Amino acid sequence: MIVTNELMPSEKQAKLLGETGPTGPVFMINLVKFKEKAIYEDRRDTNLTGKEAYRLYGQDVTQVQCRSCFWYTYH
């Protein structure tokens, strides 16, 4: 198994995420910790929690990168 830690995948890596791996589908797990209030790099004002901001991000990303992504938030 090859494990790669990449913040921003290359174009080739992003394309490979949508393809079947050598022995089946590719799985990606994000272990994240949420801030009580979302903080954006551009310092925009928001009332979102970190969890709510991440959920919005996830909705956008799955439209671009994944054909069949499953998002589950553990409570």
C-alpha atoms as a PDB file:
ATOM      1  CA  MET A   1       0.000   0.000   0.000  1.00  0.00           C
ATOM      2  CA  ILE A   2       1.274   3.458  -0.873  1.00  0.00           C
ATOM      3  CA  VAL A   3       0.408   6.260   1.572  1.00  0.00           C
ATOM      4  CA  THR A   4       0.987   9.828   0.398  1.00  0.00           C
ATOM      5  CA  ASN A   5       0.377  12.973   2.432  1.00  0.00           C
ATOM      6  CA  GLU A   6      -0.462  15.794   0.016  1.00  0.00           C
ATOM      7  CA  LEU A   7      -2.149  19.077   0.775  1.00  0.00           C
ATOM      8  CA  MET A   8      -2.775  19.965  -2.866  1.00  0.00           C
ATOM      9  CA  PRO A   9      -2.703  17.002  -5.276  1.00  0.00           C
ATOM     10  CA  SER A  10      -1.207  17.437  -8.726  1.00  0.00           C
ATOM     11  CA  GLU A  11      -3.532  17.307 -11.742  1.00  0.00           C
ATOM     12  CA  LYS A  12      -2.504  13.684 -12.338  1.00  0.00           C
ATOM     13  CA  GLN A  13      -3.151  12.746  -8.689  1.00  0.00           C
ATOM     14  CA  ALA A  14      -6.568  14.458  -8.714  1.00  0.00           C
ATOM     15  CA  LYS A  15      -7.515  12.503 -11.852  1.00  0.00           C
ATOM     16  CA  LEU A  16      -6.418   9.236 -10.242  1.00  0.00           C
ATOM     17  CA  LEU A  17      -8.774   9.847  -7.280  1.00  0.00           C
ATOM     18  CA  GLY A  18     -11.725   9.212  -9.587  1.00  0.00           C
ATOM     19  CA  GLU A  19     -10.345   5.952 -10.979  1.00  0.00           C
ATOM     20  CA  THR A  20     -10.429   2.435  -9.579  1.00  0.00           C
ATOM     21  CA  GLY A  21      -7.260   1.414  -7.770  1.00  0.00           C
ATOM     22  CA  PRO A  22      -5.217  -1.693  -8.635  1.00  0.00           C
ATOM     23  CA  THR A  23      -7.256  -3.848  -6.251  1.00  0.00           C
ATOM     24  CA  GLY A  24     -10.502  -1.859  -6.034  1.00  0.00           C
ATOM     25  CA  PRO A  25     -11.691   1.623  -5.191  1.00  0.00           C
ATOM     26  CA  VAL A  26      -9.460   4.298  -3.671  1.00  0.00           C
ATOM     27  CA  PHE A  27     -10.427   5.357  -0.142  1.00  0.00           C
ATOM     28  CA  MET A  28      -9.441   8.591   1.525  1.00  0.00           C
ATOM     29  CA  ILE A  29      -9.967   9.370   5.199  1.00  0.00           C
ATOM     30  CA  ASN A  30      -9.700  12.870   6.636  1.00  0.00           C
ATOM     31  CA  LEU A  31      -9.273  13.017  10.399  1.00  0.00           C
ATOM     32  CA  VAL A  32     -10.136  16.582  11.252  1.00  0.00           C
ATOM     33  CA  LYS A  33     -10.668  18.652  14.368  1.00  0.00           C
ATOM     34  CA  PHE A  34     -13.092  21.572  14.096  1.00  0.00           C
ATOM     35  CA  LYS A  35     -12.778  25.022  15.613  1.00  0.00           C
ATOM     36  CA  GLU A  36     -15.737  26.369  17.534  1.00  0.00           C
ATOM     37  CA  LYS A  37     -15.977  29.272  15.053  1.00  0.00           C
ATOM     38  CA  ALA A  38     -14.766  29.126  11.454  1.00  0.00           C
ATOM     39  CA  ILE A  39     -11.777  31.338  10.694  1.00  0.00           C
ATOM     40  CA  TYR A  40     -11.066  32.176   7.056  1.00  0.00           C
ATOM     41  CA  GLU A  41      -7.650  33.147   5.724  1.00  0.00           C
ATOM     42  CA  ASP A  42      -9.121  36.253   4.051  1.00  0.00           C
ATOM     43  CA  ARG A  43     -10.549  37.283   7.473  1.00  0.00           C
ATOM     44  CA  ARG A  44     -14.151  37.436   6.253  1.00  0.00           C
ATOM     45  CA  ASP A  45     -16.766  37.637   8.976  1.00  0.00           C
ATOM     46  CA  THR A  46     -18.846  34.501   9.486  1.00  0.00           C
ATOM     47  CA  ASN A  47     -21.203  32.962  11.990  1.00  0.00           C
ATOM     48  CA  LEU A  48     -20.346  29.425  10.861  1.00  0.00           C
ATOM     49  CA  THR A  49     -18.766  26.873  13.136  1.00  0.00           C
ATOM     50  CA  GLY A  50     -15.676  25.099  11.829  1.00  0.00           C
ATOM     51  CA  LYS A  51     -17.782  21.979  11.294  1.00  0.00           C
ATOM     52  CA  GLU A  52     -20.375  23.888   9.236  1.00  0.00           C
ATOM     53  CA  ALA A  53     -17.661  25.524   7.117  1.00  0.00           C
ATOM     54  CA  TYR A  54     -16.031  22.146   6.461  1.00  0.00           C
ATOM     55  CA  ARG A  55     -19.377  20.675   5.428  1.00  0.00           C
ATOM     56  CA  LEU A  56     -19.831  23.483   2.850  1.00  0.00           C
ATOM     57  CA  TYR A  57     -16.306  22.860   1.575  1.00  0.00           C
ATOM     58  CA  GLY A  58     -17.050  19.130   1.310  1.00  0.00           C
ATOM     59  CA  GLN A  59     -20.184  19.742  -0.761  1.00  0.00           C
ATOM     60  CA  ASP A  60     -18.178  21.796  -3.275  1.00  0.00           C
ATOM     61  CA  VAL A  61     -15.209  19.413  -3.421  1.00  0.00           C
ATOM     62  CA  THR A  62     -17.314  16.312  -4.056  1.00  0.00           C
ATOM     63  CA  GLN A  63     -18.889  18.020  -7.064  1.00  0.00           C
ATOM     64  CA  VAL A  64     -15.430  18.570  -8.584  1.00  0.00           C
ATOM     65  CA  GLN A  65     -13.282  15.600  -7.596  1.00  0.00           C
ATOM     66  CA  CYS A  66     -15.426  12.599  -6.749  1.00  0.00           C
ATOM     67  CA  ARG A  67     -17.877  10.573  -8.752  1.00  0.00           C
ATOM     68  CA  SER A  68     -18.984   8.580  -5.731  1.00  0.00           C
ATOM     69  CA  CYS A  69     -17.860  10.156  -2.473  1.00  0.00           C
ATOM     70  CA  PHE A  70     -19.408   9.347   0.854  1.00  0.00           C
ATOM     71  CA  TRP A  71     -19.206  11.988   3.561  1.00  0.00           C
ATOM     72  CA  TYR A  72     -19.931  10.979   7.111  1.00  0.00           C
ATOM     73  CA  THR A  73     -19.452  13.137  10.172  1.00  0.00           C
ATOM     74  CA  TYR A  74     -19.056  11.277  13.444  1.00  0.00           C
ATOM     75  CA  HIS A  75     -20.966  12.957  16.271  1.00  0.00           C
END
